[in-house]
N, C-alpha and C. Protein backbone atom coordinates (compact mmCIF):
# COMPACT_ATOMS: atom_id res chain seq x y z
N MET A 1 -18.11 -10.88 -0.51
CA MET A 1 -17.52 -12.03 -0.28
C MET A 1 -16.24 -12.21 -1.11
N ASN A 2 -15.21 -12.65 -0.65
CA ASN A 2 -13.95 -12.79 -1.48
C ASN A 2 -14.02 -14.00 -2.40
N ASN A 3 -13.96 -13.83 -3.64
CA ASN A 3 -14.09 -14.90 -4.58
C ASN A 3 -12.75 -15.46 -5.09
N LYS A 4 -11.77 -15.13 -4.27
CA LYS A 4 -10.24 -15.60 -4.64
C LYS A 4 -10.37 -17.21 -4.62
N ALA A 5 -9.72 -17.83 -5.55
CA ALA A 5 -9.68 -19.26 -5.60
C ALA A 5 -8.86 -19.77 -4.52
N ASN A 6 -9.12 -20.85 -3.88
CA ASN A 6 -8.17 -21.45 -2.87
C ASN A 6 -7.01 -22.11 -3.44
N ARG A 7 -5.88 -22.16 -2.76
CA ARG A 7 -4.75 -22.75 -3.26
C ARG A 7 -4.90 -24.25 -3.54
N SER A 8 -5.77 -24.92 -2.76
CA SER A 8 -6.16 -26.29 -2.75
C SER A 8 -7.33 -26.75 -2.36
N GLY A 9 -7.79 -27.86 -2.21
CA GLY A 9 -8.89 -28.39 -1.57
C GLY A 9 -8.75 -28.62 -0.18
N CYS A 10 -7.67 -28.48 0.35
CA CYS A 10 -7.38 -28.70 1.78
C CYS A 10 -8.01 -27.64 2.60
N PRO A 11 -8.76 -28.20 3.74
CA PRO A 11 -9.54 -27.22 4.54
C PRO A 11 -8.48 -26.52 5.24
N ILE A 12 -7.34 -26.93 5.68
CA ILE A 12 -6.46 -26.08 6.48
C ILE A 12 -5.89 -25.06 5.63
N SER A 13 -5.49 -25.33 4.44
CA SER A 13 -4.93 -24.37 3.52
C SER A 13 -5.97 -23.34 3.06
N SER A 14 -7.29 -23.76 2.88
CA SER A 14 -8.33 -22.72 2.64
C SER A 14 -8.53 -21.84 3.76
N MET A 15 -8.53 -22.34 5.10
CA MET A 15 -8.65 -21.55 6.24
C MET A 15 -7.55 -20.57 6.40
N LEU A 16 -6.26 -21.00 6.17
CA LEU A 16 -5.22 -20.13 6.25
C LEU A 16 -5.18 -18.91 5.29
N ASP A 17 -5.89 -19.17 4.08
CA ASP A 17 -6.08 -18.13 3.19
C ASP A 17 -6.81 -16.78 3.82
N ILE A 18 -7.61 -17.25 4.79
CA ILE A 18 -8.47 -16.18 5.46
C ILE A 18 -7.62 -15.73 6.76
N PHE A 19 -7.30 -16.71 7.58
CA PHE A 19 -6.90 -16.42 8.96
C PHE A 19 -5.34 -16.81 9.11
N GLY A 20 -4.58 -16.85 8.05
CA GLY A 20 -3.20 -17.31 8.22
C GLY A 20 -2.21 -16.12 8.46
N ASP A 21 -2.67 -15.07 9.07
CA ASP A 21 -1.78 -14.06 9.47
C ASP A 21 -1.81 -13.98 11.08
N LYS A 22 -1.01 -13.16 11.64
CA LYS A 22 -1.03 -13.19 13.19
C LYS A 22 -1.98 -12.18 13.75
N TRP A 23 -2.89 -11.57 13.01
CA TRP A 23 -3.77 -10.61 13.50
C TRP A 23 -5.32 -11.00 13.38
N SER A 24 -5.69 -11.66 12.44
CA SER A 24 -7.19 -11.89 12.07
C SER A 24 -7.92 -12.54 13.09
N LEU A 25 -7.27 -13.67 13.68
CA LEU A 25 -7.81 -14.39 14.83
C LEU A 25 -7.94 -13.47 16.13
N LEU A 26 -6.96 -12.63 16.21
CA LEU A 26 -7.07 -11.71 17.38
C LEU A 26 -8.28 -10.73 17.33
N ILE A 27 -8.47 -10.27 16.21
CA ILE A 27 -9.67 -9.32 15.93
C ILE A 27 -10.93 -10.16 16.32
N ILE A 28 -11.00 -11.34 15.69
CA ILE A 28 -12.21 -12.30 16.07
C ILE A 28 -12.28 -12.44 17.51
N ARG A 29 -11.09 -12.86 18.27
CA ARG A 29 -11.15 -13.00 19.67
C ARG A 29 -11.58 -11.68 20.47
N ASP A 30 -11.23 -10.64 19.92
CA ASP A 30 -11.67 -9.31 20.64
C ASP A 30 -13.14 -9.20 20.52
N LEU A 31 -13.71 -9.54 19.18
CA LEU A 31 -15.11 -9.45 19.14
C LEU A 31 -15.93 -10.38 19.88
N ILE A 32 -15.46 -11.60 20.05
CA ILE A 32 -16.05 -12.66 20.81
C ILE A 32 -15.90 -12.56 22.34
N PHE A 33 -14.71 -12.31 22.67
CA PHE A 33 -14.53 -12.34 24.11
C PHE A 33 -14.44 -11.14 24.99
N SER A 34 -14.10 -9.95 24.10
CA SER A 34 -13.80 -8.66 24.81
C SER A 34 -14.86 -7.60 24.50
N GLY A 35 -15.78 -7.94 23.58
CA GLY A 35 -16.83 -7.04 23.33
C GLY A 35 -16.19 -5.60 22.59
N LYS A 36 -15.24 -5.95 21.83
CA LYS A 36 -14.64 -4.76 21.14
C LYS A 36 -15.25 -4.81 19.80
N SER A 37 -15.57 -3.46 19.27
CA SER A 37 -16.41 -3.41 18.01
C SER A 37 -15.98 -2.24 17.09
N THR A 38 -15.08 -1.41 17.65
CA THR A 38 -14.63 -0.17 16.81
C THR A 38 -13.14 -0.24 16.46
N TYR A 39 -12.77 0.39 15.47
CA TYR A 39 -11.46 0.48 15.01
C TYR A 39 -10.53 0.85 16.26
N GLY A 40 -10.97 1.90 16.92
CA GLY A 40 -10.22 2.30 18.13
C GLY A 40 -10.07 1.33 19.14
N ASP A 41 -11.27 0.51 19.29
CA ASP A 41 -11.18 -0.60 20.40
C ASP A 41 -10.11 -1.66 20.09
N PHE A 42 -9.92 -2.03 18.67
CA PHE A 42 -8.95 -2.95 18.17
C PHE A 42 -7.59 -2.54 18.45
N LEU A 43 -7.35 -1.14 18.21
CA LEU A 43 -6.10 -0.58 18.46
C LEU A 43 -5.52 -0.63 19.73
N LYS A 44 -6.56 -0.55 20.84
CA LYS A 44 -6.22 -0.64 22.17
C LYS A 44 -5.86 -2.16 22.68
N SER A 45 -5.86 -3.06 21.81
CA SER A 45 -5.56 -4.46 22.31
C SER A 45 -4.15 -4.56 22.78
N ASP A 46 -3.76 -5.45 23.66
CA ASP A 46 -2.58 -5.57 24.15
C ASP A 46 -1.45 -5.82 23.11
N GLU A 47 -1.77 -6.37 21.95
CA GLU A 47 -0.76 -6.74 20.92
C GLU A 47 -0.25 -5.64 20.08
N LYS A 48 -1.02 -4.44 20.24
CA LYS A 48 -0.56 -3.16 19.57
C LYS A 48 -0.48 -3.37 18.05
N ILE A 49 -1.53 -3.70 17.33
CA ILE A 49 -1.60 -3.81 15.94
C ILE A 49 -1.38 -2.44 15.32
N ALA A 50 -0.70 -2.36 14.19
CA ALA A 50 -0.39 -1.14 13.42
C ALA A 50 -1.71 -0.85 12.76
N THR A 51 -1.95 0.53 12.59
CA THR A 51 -3.23 0.95 11.86
C THR A 51 -3.38 0.31 10.39
N ASN A 52 -2.44 0.42 9.74
CA ASN A 52 -2.42 -0.12 8.25
C ASN A 52 -2.76 -1.53 8.31
N ILE A 53 -2.09 -2.39 9.24
CA ILE A 53 -2.50 -3.85 9.19
C ILE A 53 -3.88 -4.01 9.69
N LEU A 54 -4.32 -3.30 10.82
CA LEU A 54 -5.62 -3.45 11.18
C LEU A 54 -6.65 -3.05 10.09
N ALA A 55 -6.47 -2.14 9.33
CA ALA A 55 -7.39 -1.73 8.27
C ALA A 55 -7.50 -2.92 7.22
N SER A 56 -6.28 -3.37 6.90
CA SER A 56 -6.09 -4.55 5.92
C SER A 56 -6.85 -5.76 6.36
N ARG A 57 -6.68 -6.14 7.65
CA ARG A 57 -7.30 -7.42 8.30
C ARG A 57 -8.82 -7.20 8.42
N LEU A 58 -9.23 -6.00 8.76
CA LEU A 58 -10.69 -5.85 8.80
C LEU A 58 -11.40 -5.88 7.47
N LEU A 59 -10.69 -5.28 6.52
CA LEU A 59 -11.19 -5.31 5.05
C LEU A 59 -11.22 -6.75 4.68
N SER A 60 -10.35 -7.62 4.88
CA SER A 60 -10.27 -9.02 4.49
C SER A 60 -11.22 -9.86 5.26
N LEU A 61 -11.39 -9.63 6.52
CA LEU A 61 -12.51 -10.46 7.25
C LEU A 61 -13.76 -9.99 6.67
N GLU A 62 -13.95 -8.83 6.35
CA GLU A 62 -15.30 -8.33 5.74
C GLU A 62 -15.43 -8.96 4.40
N GLU A 63 -14.54 -8.86 3.58
CA GLU A 63 -14.61 -9.52 2.19
C GLU A 63 -14.87 -11.02 2.26
N ASN A 64 -14.42 -11.59 3.33
CA ASN A 64 -14.68 -13.06 3.42
C ASN A 64 -15.83 -13.38 4.25
N GLY A 65 -16.58 -12.40 4.46
CA GLY A 65 -17.95 -12.63 5.27
C GLY A 65 -18.01 -13.07 6.70
N VAL A 66 -16.77 -12.80 7.24
CA VAL A 66 -16.65 -13.23 8.64
C VAL A 66 -17.14 -11.98 9.61
N ILE A 67 -16.95 -10.80 9.00
CA ILE A 67 -17.51 -9.60 9.96
C ILE A 67 -18.25 -8.79 8.97
N LYS A 68 -19.12 -8.01 9.42
CA LYS A 68 -19.60 -6.78 8.64
C LYS A 68 -19.52 -5.50 9.24
N LYS A 69 -19.63 -4.36 8.54
CA LYS A 69 -19.45 -3.07 8.96
C LYS A 69 -20.90 -2.37 9.00
N LEU A 70 -21.11 -1.75 10.13
CA LEU A 70 -22.37 -1.02 10.26
C LEU A 70 -22.01 0.55 10.70
N GLU A 71 -23.00 1.30 10.41
CA GLU A 71 -22.83 2.63 11.07
C GLU A 71 -22.86 2.73 12.50
N HIS A 72 -22.18 3.47 13.11
CA HIS A 72 -22.23 3.51 14.59
C HIS A 72 -23.43 4.45 14.98
N PRO A 73 -24.20 3.92 15.91
CA PRO A 73 -25.48 4.58 16.23
C PRO A 73 -25.14 6.00 16.96
N ASP A 74 -23.87 6.20 17.61
CA ASP A 74 -23.71 7.37 18.22
C ASP A 74 -22.67 8.25 17.68
N SER A 75 -22.04 8.03 16.56
CA SER A 75 -21.19 8.74 15.84
C SER A 75 -20.93 8.46 14.31
N LYS A 76 -21.05 9.54 13.56
CA LYS A 76 -20.96 9.26 12.10
C LYS A 76 -19.49 8.98 11.84
N ALA A 77 -18.63 9.47 12.65
CA ALA A 77 -17.12 9.28 12.47
C ALA A 77 -16.59 7.87 12.75
N LYS A 78 -17.49 7.03 13.43
CA LYS A 78 -17.09 5.72 13.62
C LYS A 78 -17.90 4.65 13.01
N VAL A 79 -17.38 3.39 12.87
CA VAL A 79 -17.97 2.37 12.29
C VAL A 79 -17.96 1.16 13.41
N LEU A 80 -18.98 0.46 13.34
CA LEU A 80 -19.09 -0.71 14.18
C LEU A 80 -18.83 -1.96 13.21
N TYR A 81 -17.97 -2.80 13.95
CA TYR A 81 -17.71 -4.16 13.20
C TYR A 81 -18.41 -5.10 14.04
N ILE A 82 -19.15 -6.04 13.34
CA ILE A 82 -19.81 -7.06 14.15
C ILE A 82 -19.48 -8.40 13.40
N LEU A 83 -19.56 -9.42 14.21
CA LEU A 83 -19.55 -10.81 13.62
C LEU A 83 -20.73 -11.23 12.84
N THR A 84 -20.47 -11.93 11.78
CA THR A 84 -21.59 -12.54 11.00
C THR A 84 -21.83 -13.99 11.66
N ASP A 85 -22.79 -14.70 11.12
CA ASP A 85 -22.89 -16.04 11.53
C ASP A 85 -21.62 -16.92 11.26
N LYS A 86 -21.05 -16.70 10.19
CA LYS A 86 -19.80 -17.30 9.85
C LYS A 86 -18.78 -16.99 10.90
N GLY A 87 -18.65 -15.67 11.37
CA GLY A 87 -17.65 -15.46 12.26
C GLY A 87 -17.90 -15.94 13.72
N ILE A 88 -19.28 -16.07 14.10
CA ILE A 88 -19.57 -16.53 15.34
C ILE A 88 -19.44 -18.11 15.41
N ASP A 89 -19.37 -18.71 14.21
CA ASP A 89 -19.07 -20.16 14.13
C ASP A 89 -17.65 -20.48 14.45
N LEU A 90 -16.79 -19.45 14.56
CA LEU A 90 -15.39 -19.75 14.98
C LEU A 90 -15.21 -19.87 16.39
N LEU A 91 -16.28 -19.63 17.23
CA LEU A 91 -16.16 -19.90 18.71
C LEU A 91 -15.60 -21.16 19.21
N PRO A 92 -16.13 -22.33 18.76
CA PRO A 92 -15.49 -23.53 19.09
C PRO A 92 -14.07 -23.71 18.69
N VAL A 93 -13.60 -23.16 17.54
CA VAL A 93 -12.27 -23.19 17.10
C VAL A 93 -11.39 -22.39 18.10
N LEU A 94 -11.84 -21.27 18.42
CA LEU A 94 -11.17 -20.54 19.37
C LEU A 94 -10.96 -21.02 20.81
N LEU A 95 -12.00 -21.83 21.12
CA LEU A 95 -11.97 -22.48 22.42
C LEU A 95 -10.92 -23.53 22.46
N GLU A 96 -10.82 -24.38 21.29
CA GLU A 96 -9.85 -25.42 21.17
C GLU A 96 -8.39 -24.84 21.09
N ILE A 97 -8.27 -23.79 20.63
CA ILE A 97 -6.89 -23.01 20.65
C ILE A 97 -6.61 -22.73 21.94
N HIS A 98 -7.50 -22.28 22.67
CA HIS A 98 -7.28 -21.99 24.02
C HIS A 98 -6.85 -23.23 24.92
N PHE A 99 -7.43 -24.28 24.48
CA PHE A 99 -7.23 -25.51 25.36
C PHE A 99 -5.88 -26.13 24.97
N TRP A 100 -5.47 -26.00 23.76
CA TRP A 100 -4.03 -26.27 23.33
C TRP A 100 -3.13 -25.43 24.02
N SER A 101 -3.39 -24.18 23.99
CA SER A 101 -2.49 -23.15 24.56
C SER A 101 -2.35 -23.36 26.15
N GLU A 102 -3.49 -23.73 26.76
CA GLU A 102 -3.36 -24.06 28.11
C GLU A 102 -2.49 -25.30 28.40
N LYS A 103 -2.43 -26.20 27.54
CA LYS A 103 -1.75 -27.45 27.72
C LYS A 103 -0.19 -27.26 27.50
N HIS A 104 0.07 -26.30 26.49
CA HIS A 104 1.52 -26.29 26.00
C HIS A 104 2.08 -24.82 26.22
N LEU A 105 1.43 -23.85 26.71
CA LEU A 105 1.91 -22.52 26.83
C LEU A 105 1.57 -22.01 28.17
N SER A 106 2.10 -20.74 28.50
CA SER A 106 1.58 -20.07 29.73
C SER A 106 0.57 -19.12 29.24
N ILE A 107 -0.51 -19.19 30.02
CA ILE A 107 -1.71 -18.24 29.72
C ILE A 107 -2.02 -17.52 30.98
N SER A 108 -2.76 -16.40 30.74
CA SER A 108 -3.15 -15.68 31.95
C SER A 108 -4.05 -16.27 32.80
N PRO A 109 -4.20 -15.76 34.09
CA PRO A 109 -5.08 -16.29 34.96
C PRO A 109 -6.60 -16.14 34.64
N GLU A 110 -6.95 -15.05 33.90
CA GLU A 110 -8.26 -14.80 33.39
C GLU A 110 -8.69 -15.80 32.47
N ILE A 111 -7.83 -16.16 31.59
CA ILE A 111 -8.12 -17.33 30.52
C ILE A 111 -8.24 -18.61 31.27
N GLN A 112 -7.48 -18.87 32.28
CA GLN A 112 -7.48 -20.09 33.07
C GLN A 112 -8.87 -20.30 33.65
N LEU A 113 -9.37 -19.00 34.22
CA LEU A 113 -10.78 -19.14 34.82
C LEU A 113 -11.85 -19.38 33.80
N LEU A 114 -11.62 -18.73 32.59
CA LEU A 114 -12.64 -18.90 31.50
C LEU A 114 -12.65 -20.47 31.11
N LEU A 115 -11.50 -20.99 30.91
CA LEU A 115 -11.29 -22.50 30.50
C LEU A 115 -11.93 -23.35 31.57
N LYS A 116 -11.73 -22.96 32.85
CA LYS A 116 -12.30 -23.91 33.83
C LYS A 116 -13.89 -23.94 33.84
N GLU A 117 -14.39 -22.69 33.43
CA GLU A 117 -15.84 -22.69 33.33
C GLU A 117 -16.30 -23.50 32.17
N VAL A 118 -15.65 -23.29 31.12
CA VAL A 118 -16.03 -23.92 29.80
C VAL A 118 -15.88 -25.54 29.90
N LYS A 119 -14.88 -26.05 30.58
CA LYS A 119 -14.73 -27.37 30.85
C LYS A 119 -15.77 -28.03 31.59
N LYS A 120 -16.58 -27.31 32.33
CA LYS A 120 -17.70 -27.81 33.21
C LYS A 120 -18.86 -28.40 32.27
N ASP A 121 -19.04 -27.74 31.22
CA ASP A 121 -19.96 -28.12 30.11
C ASP A 121 -19.75 -27.31 28.87
N LYS A 122 -18.71 -27.96 28.15
CA LYS A 122 -18.34 -27.13 26.86
C LYS A 122 -19.45 -27.01 25.95
N GLU A 123 -20.26 -27.99 25.65
CA GLU A 123 -21.41 -27.81 24.73
C GLU A 123 -22.35 -26.63 25.13
N LYS A 124 -22.65 -26.74 26.45
CA LYS A 124 -23.57 -25.75 26.97
C LYS A 124 -22.93 -24.32 26.80
N PHE A 125 -21.59 -24.19 27.14
CA PHE A 125 -20.98 -22.96 27.14
C PHE A 125 -21.03 -22.57 25.71
N ILE A 126 -20.71 -23.25 24.71
CA ILE A 126 -20.76 -22.91 23.20
C ILE A 126 -22.17 -22.53 22.91
N LYS A 127 -23.19 -23.21 23.25
CA LYS A 127 -24.57 -22.79 22.92
C LYS A 127 -25.01 -21.51 23.46
N THR A 128 -24.72 -21.28 24.73
CA THR A 128 -25.14 -20.14 25.56
C THR A 128 -24.24 -18.84 24.88
N LYS A 129 -23.10 -19.04 24.75
CA LYS A 129 -22.26 -18.03 24.09
C LYS A 129 -22.57 -17.62 22.75
N THR A 130 -22.86 -18.72 21.89
CA THR A 130 -23.28 -18.44 20.53
C THR A 130 -24.69 -17.63 20.47
N LYS A 131 -25.62 -18.05 21.36
CA LYS A 131 -26.88 -17.33 21.57
C LYS A 131 -26.65 -15.81 21.95
N GLU A 132 -25.86 -15.72 22.90
CA GLU A 132 -25.40 -14.32 23.30
C GLU A 132 -24.84 -13.40 22.17
N LEU A 133 -23.91 -14.07 21.40
CA LEU A 133 -23.30 -13.36 20.30
C LEU A 133 -24.13 -13.11 19.22
N LYS A 134 -25.12 -14.02 18.96
CA LYS A 134 -26.13 -13.78 17.82
C LYS A 134 -27.07 -12.61 18.27
N ALA A 135 -27.42 -12.49 19.53
CA ALA A 135 -28.20 -11.44 20.07
C ALA A 135 -27.60 -10.16 20.01
N MET A 136 -26.32 -10.16 20.36
CA MET A 136 -25.37 -8.99 20.49
C MET A 136 -25.19 -8.48 19.11
N PHE A 137 -24.91 -9.33 18.12
CA PHE A 137 -24.65 -8.82 16.83
C PHE A 137 -25.81 -8.98 15.83
N ASP A 138 -26.96 -9.21 16.44
CA ASP A 138 -28.35 -9.16 15.73
C ASP A 138 -28.15 -10.12 14.50
N VAL A 139 -27.57 -11.33 14.76
CA VAL A 139 -27.47 -12.30 13.73
C VAL A 139 -28.64 -13.35 13.70
N LYS A 140 -29.49 -13.38 12.57
CA LYS A 140 -30.48 -14.26 12.68
C LYS A 140 -30.18 -15.78 12.38
């Protein structure tokens, strides 16, 4: 866990200390919504993150307890990155970012379909998806 002192007691400032770059939330997005879990998976994302930046962001997310690294069951050369409970708790935050983006920006048809489904019963969606993520990442 990262023990770096926060710049202030402001929750937004403290959150930005962890997620205030343009890549960290995209990694979380990929873990939650795309099932990506390896370094190579993240490199294949549409945004084309550079390898040095990806390594840095994964390390920071791990140090802050948002993700953890596990041995890959099929390859000693690969590592699995999984969400912790702290990382899974970002699901509602990401959904709200999606809603804001839907209102103010152009979003893909796939995301529009997802949001249509979420809006039917947001709390049920969050509960179901959280349970699914906890099972997928074996979070107790």
